[in-house]
Amino acid sequence: MIATSAPLADQIAATVRARAELEKAVFPHPKKPRILAVANQKGGVGKTTSAVNLAVALAKAGLSVLAIDADPQGNASTALGIDHGIGTPSTYDLLNGSKRLVECVQQSPEVESLLVCPATIDLSGAELELSARTRREFILADALTEFLAVNRHVEIIVIDCPPSLGLLTLNALVAADRVVVPIQAEYYALEGLSMLIQTIQRIQDYLNPRLEIEAILLTMFDRRTNLSAEVAAELREYFPDKVLDTVIPRSVKLSEAPSFGTSIFGHDPRGVAAVAYSMAALEIANRLAGAGEE
């Protein structure tokens, strides 16, 4: 665990210990393919950053991963160095039925065991187009079922959801069996979490009974402020089994990485943010490997 309220020297020492732990760590493989939706309707909480870096961390650790960019902004595609210009086979083509998922995926230039389905600007009009479709909430779920039936080597699918609770996010949550919720260490984030939990409960009741929150990940954690520590303490009080031990610190390197078309692992692989995302990915991998069969 990377300390949440330590002096700088202790923080550096904790990072060194985490690096040593990661060098010896073996990331377990899930018993069956797992689909993770990285979701939070509140923007600016590190959602895409977390989706990208968790996917890369898991792939670098030896798991076979597919990342799906379901956000019309396409930021995950940019951060992963994936072509997503107009006309590129993408999540939009998958949802409108013109292409199958296998026709949309690209190999990540960063990690051999990572495939990516990019998002193009066309996806911004998908919600309106999908509104008249039958089984509109199940389009992505059906596509993933077909894909996994053939591509049995894929172990974890990470879906980057848009910062809203519209039809694109709904498709992701219906397709997923687990949700990872990145939360910025501030009080407004707690209000957004309650809305997301209500949405997940409704989806469990009516569309996807296997859906669960797998992990809550604290992001943009500032060890210099009492606020970050207080928010972390409150979250751990109310969700003791969901909040990851690892927190993601504020980091200039994290902000810089997408401009280079790479994850934090391609930009600052031994820095504190890369270590934190690797530790978070290890926690999630352990949880997924220990999860029972649905």
Protein backbone atom coordinates (compact mmCIF):
# COMPACT_ATOMS: atom_id res chain seq x y z
CA MET A 1 0.00 0.00 0.00
CA ILE A 2 1.27 3.49 -0.83
CA ALA A 3 0.86 5.71 2.19
CA THR A 4 -1.88 8.33 2.10
CA SER A 5 -0.64 10.87 4.62
CA ALA A 6 3.14 10.60 5.00
CA PRO A 7 5.98 13.09 4.75
CA LEU A 8 7.81 13.18 1.44
CA ALA A 9 10.60 10.90 2.67
CA ASP A 10 8.08 8.29 3.80
CA GLN A 11 6.27 8.57 0.49
CA ILE A 12 9.50 7.92 -1.42
CA ALA A 13 10.31 4.98 0.84
CA ALA A 14 6.80 3.55 0.29
CA THR A 15 7.24 3.82 -3.48
CA VAL A 16 10.57 2.00 -3.28
CA ARG A 17 8.95 -0.78 -1.25
CA ALA A 18 6.08 -1.00 -3.74
CA ARG A 19 8.56 -1.34 -6.63
CA ALA A 20 10.25 -4.21 -4.81
CA GLU A 21 6.89 -5.86 -4.18
CA LEU A 22 5.91 -5.54 -7.83
CA GLU A 23 9.16 -7.11 -9.00
CA LYS A 24 8.25 -10.26 -7.08
CA ALA A 25 4.50 -10.14 -7.70
CA VAL A 26 2.71 -12.64 -9.88
CA PHE A 27 -0.55 -11.30 -11.27
CA PRO A 28 -3.16 -14.08 -11.07
CA HIS A 29 -5.32 -14.94 -14.05
CA PRO A 30 -9.11 -14.83 -13.63
CA LYS A 31 -11.02 -18.11 -13.75
CA LYS A 32 -13.12 -16.74 -16.62
CA PRO A 33 -13.06 -13.58 -18.77
CA ARG A 34 -13.94 -10.50 -16.74
CA ILE A 35 -15.46 -7.32 -18.12
CA LEU A 36 -14.65 -4.15 -16.18
CA ALA A 37 -16.51 -0.89 -16.81
CA VAL A 38 -14.50 2.09 -15.57
CA ALA A 39 -17.29 4.53 -14.81
CA ASN A 40 -18.10 7.76 -13.04
CA GLN A 41 -20.61 10.24 -14.42
CA LYS A 42 -18.61 13.08 -12.86
CA GLY A 43 -15.93 14.34 -15.24
CA GLY A 44 -12.38 15.21 -14.29
CA VAL A 45 -11.86 12.39 -11.80
CA GLY A 46 -9.19 10.48 -13.71
CA LYS A 47 -11.60 7.99 -15.27
CA THR A 48 -9.92 7.65 -18.67
CA THR A 49 -6.45 7.90 -17.13
CA SER A 50 -7.37 5.02 -14.83
CA ALA A 51 -8.93 2.90 -17.60
CA VAL A 52 -5.86 3.32 -19.79
CA ASN A 53 -3.24 2.71 -17.14
CA LEU A 54 -5.02 -0.18 -15.48
CA ALA A 55 -5.39 -1.87 -18.89
CA VAL A 56 -1.70 -1.36 -19.68
CA ALA A 57 -0.58 -2.45 -16.21
CA LEU A 58 -2.59 -5.68 -16.45
CA ALA A 59 -1.27 -6.39 -19.95
CA LYS A 60 2.33 -5.70 -18.94
CA ALA A 61 1.87 -8.14 -16.07
CA GLY A 62 1.10 -10.94 -18.54
CA LEU A 63 -2.69 -10.90 -18.85
CA SER A 64 -4.46 -10.74 -22.19
CA VAL A 65 -6.46 -7.50 -22.19
CA LEU A 66 -8.91 -5.74 -24.50
CA ALA A 67 -9.57 -2.03 -23.93
CA ILE A 68 -12.76 -0.56 -25.40
CA ASP A 69 -13.03 3.20 -25.76
CA ALA A 70 -16.73 4.01 -25.34
CA ASP A 71 -16.21 7.75 -24.80
CA PRO A 72 -16.83 9.93 -27.90
CA GLN A 73 -13.91 12.16 -26.87
CA GLY A 74 -11.59 9.29 -27.77
CA ASN A 75 -9.07 10.22 -25.10
CA ALA A 76 -8.32 6.61 -24.21
CA SER A 77 -7.52 5.91 -27.85
CA THR A 78 -5.16 8.88 -27.94
CA ALA A 79 -3.43 7.85 -24.71
CA LEU A 80 -2.91 4.34 -26.05
CA GLY A 81 -1.40 5.59 -29.30
CA ILE A 82 -4.24 4.14 -31.40
CA ASP A 83 -5.39 5.61 -34.71
CA HIS A 84 -8.94 6.92 -34.30
CA GLY A 85 -9.45 9.36 -37.14
CA ILE A 86 -12.70 9.58 -39.09
CA GLY A 87 -13.32 6.36 -40.96
CA THR A 88 -11.36 4.18 -38.55
CA PRO A 89 -13.30 1.02 -37.57
CA SER A 90 -14.41 1.85 -34.07
CA THR A 91 -16.86 1.43 -31.21
CA TYR A 92 -19.35 3.43 -33.27
CA ASP A 93 -19.31 0.84 -36.08
CA LEU A 94 -19.67 -1.91 -33.51
CA LEU A 95 -22.73 -0.32 -31.91
CA ASN A 96 -24.48 0.54 -35.18
CA GLY A 97 -24.03 -3.04 -36.38
CA SER A 98 -21.87 -2.29 -39.43
CA LYS A 99 -18.83 -4.15 -38.07
CA ARG A 100 -18.06 -6.91 -35.60
CA LEU A 101 -15.74 -6.27 -32.69
CA VAL A 102 -12.93 -8.33 -34.20
CA GLU A 103 -12.95 -5.96 -37.20
CA CYS A 104 -12.52 -2.89 -34.97
CA VAL A 105 -9.65 -3.88 -32.68
CA GLN A 106 -6.08 -2.69 -33.12
CA GLN A 107 -2.88 -3.97 -31.56
CA SER A 108 -1.47 -1.65 -28.92
CA PRO A 109 1.95 -0.29 -29.91
CA GLU A 110 2.90 -0.29 -26.23
CA VAL A 111 2.01 -3.81 -25.07
CA GLU A 112 1.76 -6.93 -27.21
CA SER A 113 -1.00 -8.49 -25.12
CA LEU A 114 -3.26 -5.42 -25.30
CA LEU A 115 -5.92 -4.97 -27.97
CA VAL A 116 -7.84 -1.71 -28.33
CA CYS A 117 -11.21 -0.86 -29.86
CA PRO A 118 -10.95 2.90 -30.49
CA ALA A 119 -13.58 5.63 -30.40
CA THR A 120 -14.04 8.18 -33.18
CA ILE A 121 -15.99 11.43 -33.16
CA ASP A 122 -18.86 9.54 -34.86
CA LEU A 123 -19.65 7.99 -31.50
CA SER A 124 -21.05 11.33 -30.32
CA GLY A 125 -24.18 10.68 -32.39
CA ALA A 126 -24.59 7.06 -31.38
CA GLU A 127 -27.01 7.61 -28.49
CA LEU A 128 -29.58 9.23 -30.76
CA GLU A 129 -29.16 6.54 -33.42
CA LEU A 130 -29.41 3.71 -30.92
CA SER A 131 -32.54 5.03 -29.21
CA ALA A 132 -34.85 3.34 -31.73
CA ARG A 133 -33.02 0.00 -31.80
CA THR A 134 -34.49 -3.12 -30.21
CA ARG A 135 -32.44 -4.47 -27.30
CA ARG A 136 -30.53 -1.21 -27.46
CA GLU A 137 -29.07 -1.72 -23.97
CA PHE A 138 -27.60 -5.11 -24.93
CA ILE A 139 -25.75 -4.25 -28.16
CA LEU A 140 -22.30 -4.17 -26.57
CA ALA A 141 -23.04 -7.20 -24.38
CA ASP A 142 -24.07 -9.24 -27.41
CA ALA A 143 -20.96 -8.13 -29.33
CA LEU A 144 -18.68 -9.13 -26.45
CA THR A 145 -20.37 -12.51 -26.09
CA GLU A 146 -19.70 -13.20 -29.77
CA PHE A 147 -16.10 -11.95 -29.54
CA LEU A 148 -15.22 -13.96 -26.41
CA ALA A 149 -16.70 -17.14 -27.87
CA VAL A 150 -13.96 -17.05 -30.53
CA ASN A 151 -11.15 -15.12 -28.78
CA ARG A 152 -10.91 -17.32 -25.72
CA HIS A 153 -7.44 -16.06 -24.84
CA VAL A 154 -8.78 -12.61 -23.82
CA GLU A 155 -8.97 -12.53 -20.01
CA ILE A 156 -9.93 -8.98 -19.06
CA ILE A 157 -11.91 -6.37 -20.95
CA VAL A 158 -11.66 -2.77 -19.74
CA ILE A 159 -14.34 -0.35 -20.97
CA ASP A 160 -13.75 3.39 -20.66
CA CYS A 161 -17.21 4.91 -20.21
CA PRO A 162 -18.17 8.51 -21.01
CA PRO A 163 -18.69 10.93 -18.09
CA SER A 164 -22.47 10.55 -18.16
CA LEU A 165 -25.18 8.00 -17.43
CA GLY A 166 -26.55 7.84 -20.97
CA LEU A 167 -27.04 4.95 -23.39
CA LEU A 168 -23.31 4.44 -24.03
CA THR A 169 -22.59 4.01 -20.32
CA LEU A 170 -25.71 1.87 -19.98
CA ASN A 171 -24.41 -0.46 -22.71
CA ALA A 172 -21.11 -0.75 -20.88
CA LEU A 173 -22.74 -1.51 -17.53
CA VAL A 174 -25.06 -4.11 -19.04
CA ALA A 175 -22.09 -5.78 -20.73
CA ALA A 176 -19.85 -5.68 -17.64
CA ASP A 177 -19.79 -7.90 -14.61
CA ARG A 178 -17.68 -5.52 -12.53
CA VAL A 179 -17.37 -1.74 -12.16
CA VAL A 180 -14.24 0.18 -11.18
CA VAL A 181 -15.10 3.66 -9.91
CA PRO A 182 -12.32 6.28 -9.93
CA ILE A 183 -13.05 9.02 -7.40
CA GLN A 184 -11.16 12.24 -6.91
CA ALA A 185 -10.34 12.87 -3.25
CA GLU A 186 -12.86 15.71 -2.77
CA TYR A 187 -16.31 15.93 -1.20
CA TYR A 188 -18.26 16.63 -4.39
CA ALA A 189 -17.12 13.24 -5.63
CA LEU A 190 -19.03 11.53 -2.83
CA GLU A 191 -22.30 12.97 -4.10
CA GLY A 192 -21.62 11.62 -7.58
CA LEU A 193 -20.87 8.19 -6.16
CA SER A 194 -24.32 7.92 -4.60
CA MET A 195 -25.94 8.62 -8.00
CA LEU A 196 -23.77 5.98 -9.67
CA ILE A 197 -24.62 3.41 -7.01
CA GLN A 198 -28.35 4.05 -7.54
CA THR A 199 -27.89 3.55 -11.29
CA ILE A 200 -25.99 0.31 -10.76
CA GLN A 201 -28.72 -0.96 -8.43
CA ARG A 202 -31.38 -0.27 -11.05
CA ILE A 203 -29.33 -2.07 -13.70
CA GLN A 204 -28.91 -5.02 -11.32
CA ASP A 205 -32.68 -5.15 -10.81
CA TYR A 206 -33.77 -4.89 -14.43
CA LEU A 207 -30.93 -5.58 -16.89
CA ASN A 208 -27.80 -7.19 -15.44
CA PRO A 209 -28.11 -8.98 -12.08
CA ARG A 210 -24.42 -10.03 -12.07
CA LEU A 211 -23.14 -6.43 -12.05
CA GLU A 212 -21.14 -5.43 -8.98
CA ILE A 213 -18.80 -2.64 -7.92
CA GLU A 214 -15.41 -4.31 -7.85
CA ALA A 215 -13.29 -1.42 -6.66
CA ILE A 216 -13.31 2.25 -5.75
CA LEU A 217 -10.02 3.90 -6.71
CA LEU A 218 -8.99 7.19 -5.12
CA THR A 219 -7.32 9.45 -7.69
CA MET A 220 -5.58 12.83 -7.65
CA PHE A 221 -4.67 12.18 -4.04
CA ASP A 222 -2.76 15.06 -2.48
CA ARG A 223 -0.86 13.93 0.60
CA ARG A 224 -0.30 17.57 1.62
CA THR A 225 -3.97 18.22 2.37
CA ASN A 226 -6.20 17.03 5.17
CA LEU A 227 -9.12 16.92 2.73
CA SER A 228 -7.69 13.98 0.78
CA ALA A 229 -7.13 12.00 3.97
CA GLU A 230 -10.60 12.83 5.27
CA VAL A 231 -12.33 11.80 2.05
CA ALA A 232 -10.33 8.56 1.99
CA ALA A 233 -11.28 7.83 5.59
CA GLU A 234 -14.97 8.48 4.91
CA LEU A 235 -15.00 6.28 1.82
CA ARG A 236 -13.29 3.46 3.69
CA GLU A 237 -15.81 3.77 6.51
CA TYR A 238 -18.81 3.40 4.20
CA PHE A 239 -17.25 1.02 1.61
CA PRO A 240 -14.63 -0.93 3.57
CA ASP A 241 -14.52 -3.85 1.12
CA LYS A 242 -14.54 -1.76 -2.05
CA VAL A 243 -11.93 1.00 -1.65
CA LEU A 244 -8.49 -0.10 -2.86
CA ASP A 245 -5.55 0.27 -0.51
CA THR A 246 -3.58 1.95 -3.29
CA VAL A 247 -4.27 5.60 -4.08
CA ILE A 248 -3.24 7.44 -7.24
CA PRO A 249 -1.30 10.62 -6.45
CA ARG A 250 -1.50 13.90 -8.28
CA SER A 251 1.17 13.75 -10.95
CA VAL A 252 2.34 16.06 -13.71
CA LYS A 253 3.69 13.01 -15.53
CA LEU A 254 0.20 11.50 -15.68
CA SER A 255 -1.11 14.65 -17.32
CA GLU A 256 1.76 14.74 -19.80
CA ALA A 257 1.62 11.12 -20.96
CA PRO A 258 -1.39 11.35 -23.35
CA SER A 259 0.26 14.19 -25.29
CA PHE A 260 2.99 11.69 -26.17
CA GLY A 261 0.41 9.09 -27.24
CA THR A 262 1.30 6.74 -24.43
CA SER A 263 0.34 5.60 -20.96
CA ILE A 264 2.26 6.52 -17.83
CA PHE A 265 4.25 3.31 -18.39
CA GLY A 266 5.61 4.63 -21.66
CA HIS A 267 6.30 8.09 -20.27
CA ASP A 268 7.55 7.59 -16.71
CA PRO A 269 7.64 3.82 -16.06
CA ARG A 270 9.42 3.97 -12.69
CA GLY A 271 7.66 7.05 -11.35
CA VAL A 272 5.28 7.11 -8.44
CA ALA A 273 2.15 7.18 -10.65
CA ALA A 274 3.21 4.13 -12.66
CA VAL A 275 3.98 2.26 -9.46
CA ALA A 276 0.60 3.26 -8.02
CA TYR A 277 -1.35 2.07 -11.07
CA SER A 278 0.60 -1.21 -11.09
CA MET A 279 -0.25 -1.75 -7.42
CA ALA A 280 -3.92 -0.91 -8.08
CA ALA A 281 -3.94 -3.34 -11.02
CA LEU A 282 -2.44 -6.05 -8.80
CA GLU A 283 -5.17 -5.51 -6.21
CA ILE A 284 -7.86 -5.73 -8.90
CA ALA A 285 -6.29 -8.84 -10.45
CA ASN A 286 -6.26 -10.54 -7.06
CA ARG A 287 -9.92 -9.66 -6.52
CA LEU A 288 -10.94 -10.91 -9.95
CA ALA A 289 -9.01 -14.16 -9.51
CA GLY A 290 -10.76 -14.76 -6.19
CA ALA A 291 -14.25 -13.95 -7.48
CA GLY A 292 -16.69 -16.83 -7.61
CA GLU A 293 -18.43 -18.06 -10.74
CA GLU A 294 -21.73 -16.39 -11.59
